[in-house]
Protein backbone atom coordinates (compact mmCIF):
# COMPACT_ATOMS: atom_id res chain seq x y z
CA MET A 1 -254.07 -19.94 -52.64
CA LYS A 2 -250.88 -21.57 -51.43
CA GLU A 3 -250.66 -22.25 -47.53
CA PRO A 4 -248.06 -20.33 -45.85
CA LYS A 5 -245.49 -22.21 -44.29
CA VAL A 6 -245.02 -21.97 -40.70
CA LEU A 7 -241.29 -21.88 -39.54
CA TYR A 8 -241.69 -22.10 -36.04
CA ALA A 9 -244.81 -22.96 -33.46
CA ILE A 10 -245.04 -23.07 -29.81
CA THR A 11 -246.43 -26.65 -28.94
CA ILE A 12 -248.56 -28.01 -26.04
CA GLU A 13 -245.52 -30.33 -25.80
CA ASP A 14 -243.43 -27.36 -25.34
CA LEU A 15 -245.69 -25.79 -22.55
CA ALA A 16 -245.82 -29.29 -20.83
CA ASP A 17 -242.01 -29.26 -20.74
CA VAL A 18 -241.80 -25.81 -18.95
CA SER A 19 -244.47 -26.51 -16.98
CA ASN A 20 -242.71 -29.87 -15.64
CA GLU A 21 -239.40 -28.01 -15.67
CA GLU A 22 -240.55 -24.89 -13.38
CA ASN A 23 -242.83 -27.17 -11.58
CA ILE A 24 -245.94 -25.02 -12.27
CA PRO A 25 -249.19 -27.14 -13.30
CA PHE A 26 -251.70 -26.53 -15.88
CA VAL A 27 -254.99 -28.22 -17.12
CA GLU A 28 -256.34 -28.13 -20.59
CA SER A 29 -259.06 -25.60 -19.31
CA ASP A 30 -256.01 -22.87 -18.62
CA LEU A 31 -255.03 -23.37 -22.44
CA PRO A 32 -256.97 -20.42 -23.73
CA PHE A 33 -255.56 -18.12 -20.79
CA ILE A 34 -251.85 -19.23 -21.48
CA GLU A 35 -252.33 -19.04 -25.24
CA ASP A 36 -253.55 -15.37 -25.09
CA LYS A 37 -250.56 -14.50 -22.74
CA ILE A 38 -247.67 -16.02 -24.63
CA GLY A 39 -248.65 -13.82 -27.61
CA ASP A 40 -248.73 -10.83 -24.94
CA TYR A 41 -245.07 -11.83 -23.80
CA ILE A 42 -243.60 -12.77 -27.10
CA GLY A 43 -244.67 -9.20 -28.45
CA ASP A 44 -241.99 -7.90 -30.87
CA LYS A 45 -239.49 -10.27 -29.88
CA TRP A 46 -240.22 -12.58 -32.84
CA HIS A 47 -239.06 -9.80 -34.85
CA ASP A 48 -235.52 -9.81 -32.97
CA ALA A 49 -235.36 -13.63 -33.51
CA ILE A 50 -235.51 -13.20 -37.07
CA LYS A 51 -233.27 -10.46 -37.18
CA TYR A 52 -230.74 -12.40 -35.25
CA ALA A 53 -231.08 -15.46 -37.66
CA LEU A 54 -230.61 -13.30 -40.49
CA GLU A 55 -227.62 -11.69 -39.07
CA GLU A 56 -226.09 -15.10 -38.37
CA LEU A 57 -226.75 -16.35 -41.98
CA GLU A 58 -225.05 -13.17 -43.40
CA GLY A 59 -222.14 -13.84 -41.18
CA ASP A 60 -221.81 -17.38 -42.19
CA LYS A 61 -222.00 -16.37 -45.94
CA GLN A 62 -219.48 -13.66 -45.31
CA SER A 63 -216.97 -16.18 -43.81
CA VAL A 64 -217.13 -18.69 -46.84
């Protein structure tokens, strides 16, 4: 079976960047909590992100 291709992922580097920007420190033992909460906060927003990308693609194709 072919491995599914990941289109986007949130990395620990992304988490560290936001942590530094917002001055909210975390430690490695906090990762399971953060990982669980990110999923709660993203919720169905991934659907909107895909929809917006597809709509922009459609608009670009029509302008050619």
